[in-house]
Amino acid sequence: MTEEIIIQLLTDVFYTTLLILLPILGVSLIVGIIISIFQAATSIQEMTLTFVPKIIITAIAIILLLPWMIDKMVSFTINIFNMFNTVIK
């Protein structure tokens, strides 16, 4: 394995990981900001008010995005298996 192949592989790994996690983290961030604004406006400082909605919305986002995430992971895995021929030669 050459350095270029390793760098390309790690770049693809980090890009794919970021691409898969970014929508889930974005949804969680948006919900957290909305709940923080609500807490600041109403002066409610209950910890479960931030935790439970973020968990529920994040779980819903994962369920809705699961087919897309699986598609990205399968295409990445196929690319890795296709690289075996170039690495072995």
N, C-alpha and C. Protein backbone atom coordinates (compact mmCIF):
# COMPACT_ATOMS: atom_id res chain seq x y z
N MET A 1 0.84 -1.19 0.00
CA MET A 1 0.00 0.00 0.00
C MET A 1 0.88 1.24 0.00
N THR A 2 0.58 2.12 -0.88
CA THR A 2 1.34 3.37 -0.93
C THR A 2 0.68 4.41 -0.03
N GLU A 3 1.42 5.47 0.19
CA GLU A 3 0.90 6.55 1.04
C GLU A 3 -0.32 7.21 0.42
N GLU A 4 -0.33 7.32 -0.91
CA GLU A 4 -1.45 7.97 -1.58
C GLU A 4 -2.74 7.18 -1.37
N ILE A 5 -2.65 5.86 -1.41
CA ILE A 5 -3.84 5.03 -1.21
C ILE A 5 -4.35 5.17 0.21
N ILE A 6 -3.43 5.20 1.16
CA ILE A 6 -3.83 5.32 2.56
C ILE A 6 -4.46 6.69 2.82
N ILE A 7 -3.87 7.74 2.27
CA ILE A 7 -4.44 9.08 2.44
C ILE A 7 -5.81 9.17 1.78
N GLN A 8 -5.96 8.60 0.59
CA GLN A 8 -7.26 8.61 -0.08
C GLN A 8 -8.30 7.82 0.72
N LEU A 9 -7.89 6.69 1.27
CA LEU A 9 -8.80 5.87 2.06
C LEU A 9 -9.25 6.60 3.33
N LEU A 10 -8.32 7.21 4.02
CA LEU A 10 -8.68 7.95 5.24
C LEU A 10 -9.54 9.17 4.93
N THR A 11 -9.25 9.83 3.82
CA THR A 11 -10.08 10.96 3.40
C THR A 11 -11.51 10.50 3.13
N ASP A 12 -11.66 9.40 2.43
CA ASP A 12 -12.99 8.87 2.15
C ASP A 12 -13.70 8.44 3.43
N VAL A 13 -12.97 7.86 4.37
CA VAL A 13 -13.57 7.44 5.64
C VAL A 13 -14.10 8.64 6.41
N PHE A 14 -13.27 9.67 6.55
CA PHE A 14 -13.69 10.86 7.29
C PHE A 14 -14.84 11.59 6.58
N TYR A 15 -14.78 11.68 5.26
CA TYR A 15 -15.84 12.34 4.51
C TYR A 15 -17.15 11.59 4.64
N THR A 16 -17.12 10.27 4.52
CA THR A 16 -18.33 9.48 4.63
C THR A 16 -18.91 9.56 6.03
N THR A 17 -18.06 9.50 7.04
CA THR A 17 -18.52 9.61 8.42
C THR A 17 -19.16 10.97 8.67
N LEU A 18 -18.53 12.02 8.21
CA LEU A 18 -19.09 13.36 8.39
C LEU A 18 -20.40 13.51 7.63
N LEU A 19 -20.46 12.96 6.44
CA LEU A 19 -21.67 13.06 5.63
C LEU A 19 -22.83 12.33 6.28
N ILE A 20 -22.56 11.21 6.92
CA ILE A 20 -23.62 10.44 7.56
C ILE A 20 -24.07 11.10 8.87
N LEU A 21 -23.13 11.63 9.65
CA LEU A 21 -23.47 12.17 10.96
C LEU A 21 -23.97 13.60 10.94
N LEU A 22 -23.63 14.36 9.92
CA LEU A 22 -23.98 15.78 9.90
C LEU A 22 -25.49 16.06 9.97
N PRO A 23 -26.36 15.36 9.23
CA PRO A 23 -27.79 15.65 9.35
C PRO A 23 -28.33 15.37 10.76
N ILE A 24 -27.86 14.30 11.39
CA ILE A 24 -28.35 13.96 12.72
C ILE A 24 -27.88 15.02 13.73
N LEU A 25 -26.61 15.40 13.64
CA LEU A 25 -26.10 16.42 14.53
C LEU A 25 -26.77 17.77 14.28
N GLY A 26 -27.07 18.07 13.03
CA GLY A 26 -27.75 19.32 12.71
C GLY A 26 -29.15 19.39 13.30
N VAL A 27 -29.89 18.29 13.19
CA VAL A 27 -31.24 18.25 13.76
C VAL A 27 -31.17 18.41 15.27
N SER A 28 -30.23 17.72 15.90
CA SER A 28 -30.07 17.81 17.35
C SER A 28 -29.68 19.23 17.77
N LEU A 29 -28.83 19.87 17.00
CA LEU A 29 -28.42 21.24 17.29
C LEU A 29 -29.60 22.21 17.19
N ILE A 30 -30.37 22.08 16.13
CA ILE A 30 -31.52 22.97 15.93
C ILE A 30 -32.54 22.80 17.05
N VAL A 31 -32.83 21.56 17.43
CA VAL A 31 -33.78 21.31 18.51
C VAL A 31 -33.23 21.87 19.82
N GLY A 32 -31.93 21.71 20.08
CA GLY A 32 -31.33 22.26 21.29
C GLY A 32 -31.43 23.77 21.36
N ILE A 33 -31.22 24.44 20.22
CA ILE A 33 -31.32 25.91 20.20
C ILE A 33 -32.75 26.35 20.44
N ILE A 34 -33.71 25.67 19.82
CA ILE A 34 -35.12 26.02 20.02
C ILE A 34 -35.52 25.84 21.48
N ILE A 35 -35.09 24.75 22.08
CA ILE A 35 -35.43 24.50 23.48
C ILE A 35 -34.73 25.51 24.39
N SER A 36 -33.51 25.89 24.07
CA SER A 36 -32.81 26.89 24.87
C SER A 36 -33.50 28.25 24.81
N ILE A 37 -33.97 28.62 23.63
CA ILE A 37 -34.71 29.88 23.49
C ILE A 37 -36.00 29.81 24.29
N PHE A 38 -36.68 28.67 24.23
CA PHE A 38 -37.92 28.49 25.00
C PHE A 38 -37.63 28.59 26.50
N GLN A 39 -36.55 27.96 26.96
CA GLN A 39 -36.21 28.02 28.38
C GLN A 39 -35.83 29.44 28.81
N ALA A 40 -35.13 30.15 27.96
CA ALA A 40 -34.75 31.53 28.31
C ALA A 40 -35.97 32.44 28.35
N ALA A 41 -36.93 32.19 27.47
CA ALA A 41 -38.12 33.03 27.43
C ALA A 41 -39.06 32.76 28.61
N THR A 42 -39.10 31.52 29.08
CA THR A 42 -40.03 31.16 30.15
C THR A 42 -39.36 31.01 31.51
N SER A 43 -38.05 31.12 31.57
CA SER A 43 -37.27 30.96 32.80
C SER A 43 -37.46 29.58 33.43
N ILE A 44 -37.71 28.58 32.64
CA ILE A 44 -37.81 27.20 33.12
C ILE A 44 -36.42 26.59 32.97
N GLN A 45 -35.88 26.06 34.05
CA GLN A 45 -34.54 25.48 34.02
C GLN A 45 -34.57 23.99 34.33
N GLU A 46 -35.47 23.28 33.76
CA GLU A 46 -35.60 21.84 33.97
C GLU A 46 -34.68 21.11 32.99
N MET A 47 -33.84 20.20 33.51
CA MET A 47 -32.88 19.49 32.67
C MET A 47 -33.57 18.48 31.74
N THR A 48 -34.63 17.86 32.20
CA THR A 48 -35.30 16.88 31.35
C THR A 48 -35.99 17.54 30.17
N LEU A 49 -36.27 18.83 30.28
CA LEU A 49 -36.90 19.55 29.17
C LEU A 49 -35.96 19.61 27.97
N THR A 50 -34.67 19.63 28.19
CA THR A 50 -33.73 19.65 27.07
C THR A 50 -33.38 18.25 26.61
N PHE A 51 -33.32 17.31 27.54
CA PHE A 51 -32.83 15.98 27.22
C PHE A 51 -33.84 15.14 26.44
N VAL A 52 -35.06 15.07 26.91
CA VAL A 52 -36.07 14.17 26.33
C VAL A 52 -36.44 14.57 24.89
N PRO A 53 -36.75 15.83 24.60
CA PRO A 53 -37.08 16.16 23.19
C PRO A 53 -35.93 15.93 22.22
N LYS A 54 -34.69 16.21 22.67
CA LYS A 54 -33.55 15.98 21.79
C LYS A 54 -33.36 14.50 21.49
N ILE A 55 -33.57 13.65 22.49
CA ILE A 55 -33.46 12.21 22.27
C ILE A 55 -34.55 11.74 21.30
N ILE A 56 -35.77 12.20 21.51
CA ILE A 56 -36.88 11.77 20.65
C ILE A 56 -36.69 12.24 19.22
N ILE A 57 -36.35 13.50 19.03
CA ILE A 57 -36.16 14.05 17.68
C ILE A 57 -34.96 13.40 16.99
N THR A 58 -33.89 13.14 17.74
CA THR A 58 -32.72 12.48 17.15
C THR A 58 -33.06 11.06 16.72
N ALA A 59 -33.83 10.35 17.54
CA ALA A 59 -34.25 8.98 17.16
C ALA A 59 -35.13 9.01 15.92
N ILE A 60 -36.02 9.97 15.82
CA ILE A 60 -36.88 10.09 14.63
C ILE A 60 -36.03 10.41 13.40
N ALA A 61 -35.04 11.30 13.56
CA ALA A 61 -34.17 11.65 12.44
C ALA A 61 -33.37 10.43 11.98
N ILE A 62 -32.88 9.63 12.92
CA ILE A 62 -32.13 8.42 12.55
C ILE A 62 -33.03 7.45 11.80
N ILE A 63 -34.25 7.27 12.28
CA ILE A 63 -35.18 6.35 11.61
C ILE A 63 -35.49 6.82 10.20
N LEU A 64 -35.72 8.13 10.04
CA LEU A 64 -36.06 8.65 8.71
C LEU A 64 -34.87 8.64 7.76
N LEU A 65 -33.67 8.85 8.28
CA LEU A 65 -32.49 8.92 7.44
C LEU A 65 -31.77 7.59 7.28
N LEU A 66 -32.26 6.55 7.92
CA LEU A 66 -31.58 5.26 7.90
C LEU A 66 -31.39 4.69 6.48
N PRO A 67 -32.40 4.73 5.60
CA PRO A 67 -32.15 4.20 4.25
C PRO A 67 -31.04 4.95 3.51
N TRP A 68 -31.01 6.25 3.66
CA TRP A 68 -29.97 7.05 3.02
C TRP A 68 -28.59 6.74 3.61
N MET A 69 -28.53 6.61 4.94
CA MET A 69 -27.26 6.30 5.60
C MET A 69 -26.76 4.91 5.19
N ILE A 70 -27.66 3.95 5.11
CA ILE A 70 -27.26 2.60 4.69
C ILE A 70 -26.75 2.62 3.26
N ASP A 71 -27.40 3.39 2.39
CA ASP A 71 -26.96 3.50 1.00
C ASP A 71 -25.54 4.08 0.92
N LYS A 72 -25.26 5.10 1.70
CA LYS A 72 -23.92 5.70 1.71
C LYS A 72 -22.89 4.70 2.23
N MET A 73 -23.23 3.97 3.29
CA MET A 73 -22.28 3.01 3.85
C MET A 73 -22.04 1.83 2.92
N VAL A 74 -23.08 1.38 2.23
CA VAL A 74 -22.92 0.27 1.29
C VAL A 74 -22.07 0.70 0.10
N SER A 75 -22.30 1.90 -0.42
CA SER A 75 -21.49 2.35 -1.55
C SER A 75 -20.03 2.54 -1.12
N PHE A 76 -19.80 3.00 0.10
CA PHE A 76 -18.43 3.13 0.59
C PHE A 76 -17.77 1.76 0.73
N THR A 77 -18.52 0.79 1.24
CA THR A 77 -17.97 -0.56 1.40
C THR A 77 -17.66 -1.19 0.05
N ILE A 78 -18.51 -0.97 -0.93
CA ILE A 78 -18.25 -1.48 -2.28
C ILE A 78 -16.98 -0.85 -2.86
N ASN A 79 -16.80 0.45 -2.62
CA ASN A 79 -15.56 1.11 -3.08
C ASN A 79 -14.32 0.53 -2.41
N ILE A 80 -14.44 0.20 -1.13
CA ILE A 80 -13.31 -0.41 -0.42
C ILE A 80 -12.99 -1.78 -1.03
N PHE A 81 -14.01 -2.58 -1.27
CA PHE A 81 -13.78 -3.90 -1.86
C PHE A 81 -13.22 -3.79 -3.27
N ASN A 82 -13.63 -2.79 -4.03
CA ASN A 82 -13.08 -2.58 -5.36
C ASN A 82 -11.62 -2.13 -5.31
N MET A 83 -11.22 -1.48 -4.23
CA MET A 83 -9.83 -1.06 -4.08
C MET A 83 -8.89 -2.23 -3.81
N PHE A 84 -9.42 -3.35 -3.36
CA PHE A 84 -8.57 -4.51 -3.07
C PHE A 84 -7.75 -4.94 -4.29
N ASN A 85 -8.38 -4.86 -5.47
CA ASN A 85 -7.67 -5.27 -6.67
C ASN A 85 -6.48 -4.34 -6.96
N THR A 86 -6.63 -3.06 -6.71
CA THR A 86 -5.52 -2.14 -6.97
C THR A 86 -4.44 -2.26 -5.91
N VAL A 87 -4.82 -2.57 -4.69
CA VAL A 87 -3.84 -2.68 -3.61
C VAL A 87 -3.04 -3.96 -3.75
N ILE A 88 -3.68 -5.04 -4.14
CA ILE A 88 -3.01 -6.33 -4.24
C ILE A 88 -1.99 -6.34 -5.37
N LYS A 89 -2.28 -5.64 -6.47
CA LYS A 89 -1.39 -5.65 -7.63
C LYS A 89 -0.11 -4.88 -7.39
